[in-house]
Amino acid sequence: MELRQLRYFVAVAEHGGFGRAAAGLGIVQSAVSTQVRRLERQLGLVLFDRGPRQTVLTAQGEALLPQARSVLEAADRTRTLAAELVGGSAGLLRLGPVRGPGERTNLLLHRLADDTRAFRVALRHVPAAERLRLLRDGELDAAFVRGEPAPP
């Protein structure tokens, strides 16, 4: 199964026909038909009832459509993240958090990362002395510590 096949399947479902899907995709109808038939063969499903005037999703096609959309959205997110990583706009923030009241901070950091998608957060839950060692060794970008840390 290829992403292209899923993309064509979704396009036919959304446009209501192979010809309209092909026009929307900017390709010839035969290419769309061929790829959708290959997808059907590979999956062992009939995705569309093909009539002379209309193309309608079968029950199997209806069941597969949400998952196909989800796969395509995940592929788009992966492409976006890869482009951000290549361009240097996405990064990884490595933190050593504290347990207990600091859990709110952890939740906030994860929420911020999810909302902005500008960076990812990796949390290392280790004892305070280990957090400081990891920070000194460059394995953490920041560490949260309660009280005054003991000198190195």
N, C-alpha and C. Protein backbone atom coordinates (compact mmCIF):
# COMPACT_ATOMS: atom_id res chain seq x y z
N MET A 1 0.85 -1.17 0.00
CA MET A 1 0.00 0.00 0.00
C MET A 1 0.89 1.24 0.00
N GLU A 2 0.54 2.19 -0.82
CA GLU A 2 1.30 3.42 -0.94
C GLU A 2 0.45 4.61 -0.53
N LEU A 3 1.12 5.66 -0.05
CA LEU A 3 0.40 6.88 0.31
C LEU A 3 -0.38 7.43 -0.89
N ARG A 4 0.21 7.32 -2.06
CA ARG A 4 -0.45 7.81 -3.27
C ARG A 4 -1.79 7.11 -3.47
N GLN A 5 -1.82 5.80 -3.25
CA GLN A 5 -3.07 5.06 -3.40
C GLN A 5 -4.12 5.54 -2.41
N LEU A 6 -3.69 5.76 -1.17
CA LEU A 6 -4.63 6.27 -0.16
C LEU A 6 -5.11 7.67 -0.53
N ARG A 7 -4.20 8.49 -1.03
CA ARG A 7 -4.57 9.86 -1.43
C ARG A 7 -5.62 9.83 -2.55
N TYR A 8 -5.43 8.95 -3.52
CA TYR A 8 -6.38 8.84 -4.62
C TYR A 8 -7.72 8.30 -4.11
N PHE A 9 -7.68 7.31 -3.24
CA PHE A 9 -8.90 6.75 -2.66
C PHE A 9 -9.71 7.84 -1.95
N VAL A 10 -9.03 8.63 -1.12
CA VAL A 10 -9.71 9.71 -0.39
C VAL A 10 -10.26 10.74 -1.37
N ALA A 11 -9.50 11.07 -2.40
CA ALA A 11 -9.95 12.06 -3.39
C ALA A 11 -11.21 11.58 -4.12
N VAL A 12 -11.25 10.31 -4.50
CA VAL A 12 -12.44 9.78 -5.18
C VAL A 12 -13.64 9.85 -4.24
N ALA A 13 -13.42 9.48 -2.99
CA ALA A 13 -14.51 9.52 -2.01
C ALA A 13 -15.01 10.95 -1.81
N GLU A 14 -14.10 11.90 -1.70
CA GLU A 14 -14.48 13.29 -1.45
C GLU A 14 -15.10 13.95 -2.68
N HIS A 15 -14.62 13.61 -3.87
CA HIS A 15 -15.13 14.24 -5.09
C HIS A 15 -16.33 13.50 -5.68
N GLY A 16 -16.56 12.29 -5.20
CA GLY A 16 -17.72 11.54 -5.67
C GLY A 16 -17.55 10.90 -7.03
N GLY A 17 -16.33 10.74 -7.49
CA GLY A 17 -16.12 10.08 -8.78
C GLY A 17 -14.66 10.13 -9.19
N PHE A 18 -14.30 9.22 -10.08
CA PHE A 18 -12.92 9.12 -10.53
C PHE A 18 -12.52 10.30 -11.40
N GLY A 19 -13.40 10.72 -12.29
CA GLY A 19 -13.09 11.85 -13.17
C GLY A 19 -12.88 13.14 -12.40
N ARG A 20 -13.78 13.42 -11.47
CA ARG A 20 -13.66 14.64 -10.67
C ARG A 20 -12.43 14.58 -9.76
N ALA A 21 -12.15 13.40 -9.22
CA ALA A 21 -10.95 13.25 -8.38
C ALA A 21 -9.70 13.50 -9.20
N ALA A 22 -9.65 12.94 -10.40
CA ALA A 22 -8.49 13.13 -11.27
C ALA A 22 -8.30 14.60 -11.60
N ALA A 23 -9.40 15.29 -11.90
CA ALA A 23 -9.31 16.72 -12.20
C ALA A 23 -8.79 17.48 -10.98
N GLY A 24 -9.29 17.14 -9.80
CA GLY A 24 -8.84 17.80 -8.58
C GLY A 24 -7.37 17.54 -8.27
N LEU A 25 -6.91 16.36 -8.62
CA LEU A 25 -5.51 16.00 -8.38
C LEU A 25 -4.59 16.47 -9.50
N GLY A 26 -5.18 16.86 -10.63
CA GLY A 26 -4.37 17.32 -11.76
C GLY A 26 -3.70 16.18 -12.51
N ILE A 27 -4.34 15.01 -12.53
CA ILE A 27 -3.79 13.86 -13.25
C ILE A 27 -4.90 13.23 -14.09
N VAL A 28 -4.54 12.23 -14.88
CA VAL A 28 -5.53 11.59 -15.74
C VAL A 28 -6.34 10.57 -14.95
N GLN A 29 -7.57 10.37 -15.39
CA GLN A 29 -8.49 9.48 -14.69
C GLN A 29 -7.96 8.05 -14.62
N SER A 30 -7.32 7.60 -15.68
CA SER A 30 -6.83 6.22 -15.70
C SER A 30 -5.80 5.96 -14.59
N ALA A 31 -5.00 6.98 -14.27
CA ALA A 31 -4.02 6.82 -13.19
C ALA A 31 -4.71 6.63 -11.85
N VAL A 32 -5.78 7.39 -11.62
CA VAL A 32 -6.54 7.27 -10.38
C VAL A 32 -7.19 5.89 -10.31
N SER A 33 -7.84 5.49 -11.39
CA SER A 33 -8.52 4.19 -11.43
C SER A 33 -7.54 3.05 -11.18
N THR A 34 -6.39 3.10 -11.84
CA THR A 34 -5.39 2.04 -11.70
C THR A 34 -4.92 1.93 -10.25
N GLN A 35 -4.60 3.05 -9.64
CA GLN A 35 -4.07 3.01 -8.27
C GLN A 35 -5.13 2.57 -7.26
N VAL A 36 -6.37 2.99 -7.45
CA VAL A 36 -7.43 2.57 -6.53
C VAL A 36 -7.68 1.07 -6.69
N ARG A 37 -7.66 0.57 -7.91
CA ARG A 37 -7.83 -0.88 -8.13
C ARG A 37 -6.69 -1.67 -7.48
N ARG A 38 -5.48 -1.17 -7.60
CA ARG A 38 -4.33 -1.83 -6.95
C ARG A 38 -4.52 -1.87 -5.43
N LEU A 39 -4.97 -0.75 -4.88
CA LEU A 39 -5.22 -0.68 -3.44
C LEU A 39 -6.28 -1.71 -3.04
N GLU A 40 -7.35 -1.78 -3.82
CA GLU A 40 -8.42 -2.74 -3.53
C GLU A 40 -7.87 -4.18 -3.58
N ARG A 41 -7.05 -4.47 -4.58
CA ARG A 41 -6.47 -5.82 -4.70
C ARG A 41 -5.56 -6.12 -3.51
N GLN A 42 -4.71 -5.15 -3.16
CA GLN A 42 -3.78 -5.37 -2.05
C GLN A 42 -4.51 -5.58 -0.73
N LEU A 43 -5.60 -4.87 -0.52
CA LEU A 43 -6.34 -4.97 0.73
C LEU A 43 -7.39 -6.08 0.71
N GLY A 44 -7.73 -6.55 -0.49
CA GLY A 44 -8.77 -7.56 -0.60
C GLY A 44 -10.16 -7.00 -0.33
N LEU A 45 -10.36 -5.73 -0.66
CA LEU A 45 -11.62 -5.04 -0.41
C LEU A 45 -12.16 -4.44 -1.70
N VAL A 46 -13.46 -4.20 -1.72
CA VAL A 46 -14.09 -3.40 -2.77
C VAL A 46 -14.46 -2.09 -2.10
N LEU A 47 -13.82 -1.00 -2.52
CA LEU A 47 -14.00 0.29 -1.85
C LEU A 47 -15.13 1.11 -2.44
N PHE A 48 -15.44 0.90 -3.72
CA PHE A 48 -16.46 1.70 -4.40
C PHE A 48 -17.42 0.81 -5.18
N ASP A 49 -18.67 1.23 -5.21
CA ASP A 49 -19.63 0.71 -6.17
C ASP A 49 -19.53 1.64 -7.37
N ARG A 50 -19.08 1.11 -8.48
CA ARG A 50 -18.85 1.93 -9.67
C ARG A 50 -20.05 1.81 -10.60
N GLY A 51 -20.79 2.88 -10.72
CA GLY A 51 -21.94 2.89 -11.62
C GLY A 51 -21.63 3.77 -12.83
N PRO A 52 -22.51 3.73 -13.84
CA PRO A 52 -22.26 4.53 -15.05
C PRO A 52 -22.33 6.03 -14.77
N ARG A 53 -23.11 6.43 -13.79
CA ARG A 53 -23.28 7.87 -13.53
C ARG A 53 -22.67 8.32 -12.21
N GLN A 54 -22.45 7.39 -11.28
CA GLN A 54 -21.90 7.81 -10.00
C GLN A 54 -21.05 6.71 -9.38
N THR A 55 -20.18 7.12 -8.50
CA THR A 55 -19.32 6.21 -7.76
C THR A 55 -19.62 6.43 -6.28
N VAL A 56 -19.96 5.34 -5.59
CA VAL A 56 -20.37 5.43 -4.19
C VAL A 56 -19.50 4.51 -3.36
N LEU A 57 -19.11 4.97 -2.17
CA LEU A 57 -18.34 4.13 -1.27
C LEU A 57 -19.16 2.91 -0.84
N THR A 58 -18.50 1.76 -0.78
CA THR A 58 -19.13 0.57 -0.20
C THR A 58 -19.04 0.69 1.32
N ALA A 59 -19.62 -0.25 2.02
CA ALA A 59 -19.50 -0.26 3.49
C ALA A 59 -18.03 -0.41 3.88
N GLN A 60 -17.29 -1.22 3.13
CA GLN A 60 -15.85 -1.37 3.40
C GLN A 60 -15.11 -0.06 3.16
N GLY A 61 -15.47 0.62 2.09
CA GLY A 61 -14.85 1.92 1.80
C GLY A 61 -15.15 2.94 2.88
N GLU A 62 -16.41 2.96 3.34
CA GLU A 62 -16.80 3.87 4.43
C GLU A 62 -15.99 3.60 5.68
N ALA A 63 -15.79 2.31 5.98
CA ALA A 63 -15.03 1.94 7.18
C ALA A 63 -13.56 2.32 7.06
N LEU A 64 -13.00 2.22 5.86
CA LEU A 64 -11.58 2.49 5.65
C LEU A 64 -11.27 3.99 5.54
N LEU A 65 -12.21 4.77 5.10
CA LEU A 65 -11.97 6.19 4.81
C LEU A 65 -11.39 6.98 5.99
N PRO A 66 -11.95 6.89 7.21
CA PRO A 66 -11.36 7.67 8.31
C PRO A 66 -9.91 7.29 8.60
N GLN A 67 -9.61 6.00 8.52
CA GLN A 67 -8.23 5.56 8.77
C GLN A 67 -7.30 6.05 7.66
N ALA A 68 -7.75 6.03 6.43
CA ALA A 68 -6.93 6.52 5.32
C ALA A 68 -6.63 8.00 5.51
N ARG A 69 -7.63 8.77 5.90
CA ARG A 69 -7.41 10.20 6.17
C ARG A 69 -6.40 10.39 7.29
N SER A 70 -6.53 9.58 8.33
CA SER A 70 -5.62 9.67 9.47
C SER A 70 -4.18 9.38 9.05
N VAL A 71 -4.00 8.37 8.23
CA VAL A 71 -2.65 8.02 7.74
C VAL A 71 -2.07 9.18 6.92
N LEU A 72 -2.88 9.77 6.06
CA LEU A 72 -2.40 10.88 5.23
C LEU A 72 -2.06 12.10 6.08
N GLU A 73 -2.87 12.37 7.11
CA GLU A 73 -2.58 13.48 8.01
C GLU A 73 -1.28 13.24 8.76
N ALA A 74 -1.06 12.00 9.22
CA ALA A 74 0.18 11.66 9.92
C ALA A 74 1.38 11.83 8.98
N ALA A 75 1.23 11.43 7.74
CA ALA A 75 2.32 11.60 6.76
C ALA A 75 2.62 13.08 6.55
N ASP A 76 1.57 13.90 6.48
CA ASP A 76 1.77 15.35 6.33
C ASP A 76 2.49 15.93 7.54
N ARG A 77 2.09 15.50 8.75
CA ARG A 77 2.76 15.99 9.96
C ARG A 77 4.23 15.57 9.97
N THR A 78 4.50 14.36 9.51
CA THR A 78 5.88 13.87 9.45
C THR A 78 6.70 14.70 8.48
N ARG A 79 6.13 15.01 7.31
CA ARG A 79 6.83 15.86 6.33
C ARG A 79 7.11 17.24 6.91
N THR A 80 6.12 17.80 7.60
CA THR A 80 6.27 19.13 8.19
C THR A 80 7.38 19.12 9.23
N LEU A 81 7.37 18.13 10.11
CA LEU A 81 8.41 18.04 11.14
C LEU A 81 9.78 17.87 10.51
N ALA A 82 9.88 17.03 9.49
CA ALA A 82 11.17 16.83 8.81
C ALA A 82 11.67 18.14 8.22
N ALA A 83 10.77 18.90 7.60
CA ALA A 83 11.17 20.19 7.02
C ALA A 83 11.63 21.15 8.12
N GLU A 84 10.95 21.14 9.26
CA GLU A 84 11.35 22.00 10.36
C GLU A 84 12.71 21.59 10.90
N LEU A 85 12.95 20.28 10.99
CA LEU A 85 14.24 19.80 11.49
C LEU A 85 15.36 20.18 10.53
N VAL A 86 15.11 20.05 9.24
CA VAL A 86 16.11 20.42 8.24
C VAL A 86 16.38 21.92 8.31
N GLY A 87 15.31 22.70 8.47
CA GLY A 87 15.45 24.16 8.54
C GLY A 87 15.91 24.67 9.88
N GLY A 88 15.99 23.78 10.87
CA GLY A 88 16.46 24.19 12.18
C GLY A 88 15.41 24.86 13.04
N SER A 89 14.14 24.86 12.62
CA SER A 89 13.13 25.55 13.41
C SER A 89 12.51 24.65 14.48
N ALA A 90 12.72 23.35 14.41
CA ALA A 90 12.22 22.46 15.45
C ALA A 90 13.41 21.97 16.25
N GLY A 91 13.23 21.86 17.53
CA GLY A 91 14.33 21.42 18.36
C GLY A 91 13.86 20.51 19.46
N LEU A 92 14.80 20.11 20.27
CA LEU A 92 14.54 19.24 21.39
C LEU A 92 15.02 19.94 22.64
N LEU A 93 14.15 20.09 23.61
CA LEU A 93 14.48 20.68 24.90
C LEU A 93 14.60 19.53 25.89
N ARG A 94 15.82 19.31 26.41
CA ARG A 94 16.07 18.20 27.33
C ARG A 94 16.08 18.74 28.75
N LEU A 95 15.12 18.28 29.56
CA LEU A 95 14.94 18.80 30.91
C LEU A 95 15.05 17.71 31.95
N GLY A 96 15.54 18.11 33.13
CA GLY A 96 15.55 17.24 34.30
C GLY A 96 14.59 17.81 35.32
N PRO A 97 13.35 17.34 35.36
CA PRO A 97 12.34 17.90 36.26
C PRO A 97 12.41 17.30 37.66
N VAL A 98 11.69 17.92 38.58
CA VAL A 98 11.55 17.37 39.94
C VAL A 98 10.23 16.63 40.02
N ARG A 99 10.13 15.73 40.97
CA ARG A 99 8.87 15.01 41.18
C ARG A 99 8.03 15.78 42.19
N GLY A 100 6.76 15.44 42.27
CA GLY A 100 5.87 16.07 43.23
C GLY A 100 5.24 17.31 42.64
N PRO A 101 5.38 18.48 43.33
CA PRO A 101 4.74 19.70 42.82
C PRO A 101 5.22 20.06 41.41
N GLY A 102 6.40 19.59 41.03
CA GLY A 102 6.93 19.90 39.70
C GLY A 102 6.16 19.23 38.57
N GLU A 103 5.27 18.27 38.90
CA GLU A 103 4.50 17.60 37.86
C GLU A 103 3.65 18.59 37.08
N ARG A 104 3.19 19.65 37.72
CA ARG A 104 2.43 20.67 37.00
C ARG A 104 3.31 21.33 35.95
N THR A 105 4.55 21.58 36.31
CA THR A 105 5.50 22.17 35.36
C THR A 105 5.70 21.23 34.17
N ASN A 106 5.85 19.93 34.46
CA ASN A 106 6.03 18.95 33.39
C ASN A 106 4.84 18.97 32.44
N LEU A 107 3.63 18.98 33.01
CA LEU A 107 2.41 19.02 32.20
C LEU A 107 2.37 20.27 31.34
N LEU A 108 2.72 21.41 31.93
CA LEU A 108 2.73 22.67 31.20
C LEU A 108 3.73 22.62 30.04
N LEU A 109 4.91 22.08 30.27
CA LEU A 109 5.92 21.99 29.22
C LEU A 109 5.44 21.10 28.07
N HIS A 110 4.85 19.97 28.40
CA HIS A 110 4.33 19.09 27.35
C HIS A 110 3.21 19.77 26.57
N ARG A 111 2.34 20.46 27.27
CA ARG A 111 1.23 21.15 26.61
C ARG A 111 1.77 22.24 25.68
N LEU A 112 2.76 22.99 26.14
CA LEU A 112 3.37 24.04 25.32
C LEU A 112 3.98 23.44 24.06
N ALA A 113 4.69 22.35 24.22
CA ALA A 113 5.32 21.70 23.06
C ALA A 113 4.26 21.20 22.09
N ASP A 114 3.18 20.62 22.59
CA ASP A 114 2.11 20.12 21.72
C ASP A 114 1.43 21.26 20.98
N ASP A 115 1.20 22.38 21.68
CA ASP A 115 0.49 23.51 21.08
C ASP A 115 1.31 24.23 20.03
N THR A 116 2.60 24.44 20.29
CA THR A 116 3.41 25.22 19.37
C THR A 116 4.06 24.37 18.29
N ARG A 117 4.33 23.13 18.60
CA ARG A 117 5.08 22.24 17.70
C ARG A 117 6.43 22.84 17.30
N ALA A 118 6.85 23.85 18.05
CA ALA A 118 8.12 24.49 17.74
C ALA A 118 9.28 23.68 18.31
N PHE A 119 9.00 22.87 19.32
CA PHE A 119 10.06 22.06 19.89
C PHE A 119 9.44 20.84 20.57
N ARG A 120 10.30 19.87 20.82
CA ARG A 120 9.88 18.68 21.56
C ARG A 120 10.52 18.73 22.93
N VAL A 121 9.89 18.10 23.90
CA VAL A 121 10.40 18.08 25.26
C VAL A 121 10.74 16.64 25.63
N ALA A 122 11.95 16.44 26.11
CA ALA A 122 12.35 15.13 26.63
C ALA A 122 12.64 15.31 28.11
N LEU A 123 11.90 14.62 28.96
CA LEU A 123 12.08 14.72 30.40
C LEU A 123 12.86 13.52 30.90
N ARG A 124 13.90 13.77 31.72
CA ARG A 124 14.70 12.70 32.34
C ARG A 124 14.44 12.76 33.83
N HIS A 125 13.74 11.79 34.36
CA HIS A 125 13.43 11.73 35.79
C HIS A 125 14.55 10.98 36.50
N VAL A 126 15.47 11.72 37.07
CA VAL A 126 16.60 11.15 37.80
C VAL A 126 16.80 11.95 39.08
N PRO A 127 17.55 11.41 40.06
CA PRO A 127 17.80 12.16 41.30
C PRO A 127 18.52 13.49 41.02
N ALA A 128 18.40 14.42 41.97
CA ALA A 128 18.94 15.77 41.79
C ALA A 128 20.42 15.78 41.43
N ALA A 129 21.22 14.99 42.13
CA ALA A 129 22.66 14.97 41.84
C ALA A 129 22.93 14.52 40.41
N GLU A 130 22.16 13.54 39.96
CA GLU A 130 22.31 13.05 38.59
C GLU A 130 21.87 14.11 37.58
N ARG A 131 20.78 14.85 37.89
CA ARG A 131 20.33 15.93 37.00
C ARG A 131 21.44 16.95 36.82
N LEU A 132 22.09 17.31 37.92
CA LEU A 132 23.16 18.32 37.84
C LEU A 132 24.35 17.79 37.03
N ARG A 133 24.69 16.51 37.22
CA ARG A 133 25.78 15.93 36.44
C ARG A 133 25.44 15.93 34.95
N LEU A 134 24.21 15.54 34.62
CA LEU A 134 23.78 15.53 33.21
C LEU A 134 23.80 16.94 32.62
N LEU A 135 23.43 17.92 33.43
CA LEU A 135 23.46 19.32 32.99
C LEU A 135 24.90 19.74 32.71
N ARG A 136 25.81 19.44 33.64
CA ARG A 136 27.23 19.79 33.45
C ARG A 136 27.82 19.10 32.22
N ASP A 137 27.40 17.85 31.98
CA ASP A 137 27.94 17.08 30.85
C ASP A 137 27.27 17.41 29.52
N GLY A 138 26.32 18.35 29.55
CA GLY A 138 25.67 18.75 28.31
C GLY A 138 24.59 17.80 27.83
N GLU A 139 24.17 16.87 28.69
CA GLU A 139 23.13 15.92 28.30
C GLU A 139 21.73 16.43 28.64
N LEU A 140 21.66 17.52 29.42
CA LEU A 140 20.41 18.22 29.69
C LEU A 140 20.60 19.68 29.34
N ASP A 141 19.53 20.32 28.89
CA ASP A 141 19.56 21.76 28.61
C ASP A 141 19.24 22.57 29.85
N ALA A 142 18.45 22.00 30.75
CA ALA A 142 18.08 22.67 32.00
C ALA A 142 17.68 21.61 33.00
N ALA A 143 17.84 21.94 34.29
CA ALA A 143 17.45 21.01 35.35
C ALA A 143 16.76 21.79 36.45
N PHE A 144 15.70 21.22 36.98
CA PHE A 144 15.00 21.81 38.11
C PHE A 144 15.48 21.11 39.37
N VAL A 145 15.84 21.92 40.39
CA VAL A 145 16.34 21.37 41.65
C VAL A 145 15.70 22.14 42.79
N ARG A 146 15.32 21.43 43.86
CA ARG A 146 14.78 22.10 45.05
C ARG A 146 15.92 22.41 46.00
N GLY A 147 15.85 23.58 46.63
CA GLY A 147 16.87 23.95 47.61
C GLY A 147 18.18 24.30 46.94
N GLU A 148 19.22 24.36 47.73
CA GLU A 148 20.55 24.68 47.22
C GLU A 148 21.27 23.40 46.86
N PRO A 149 21.71 23.27 45.63
CA PRO A 149 22.44 22.05 45.26
C PRO A 149 23.81 22.02 45.92
N ALA A 150 24.28 20.82 46.21
CA ALA A 150 25.62 20.66 46.77
C ALA A 150 26.64 21.03 45.70
N PRO A 151 27.76 21.63 46.08
CA PRO A 151 28.77 21.99 45.08
C PRO A 151 29.31 20.74 44.39
N PRO A 152 29.71 20.88 43.12
CA PRO A 152 30.21 19.72 42.36
C PRO A 152 31.50 19.15 42.91
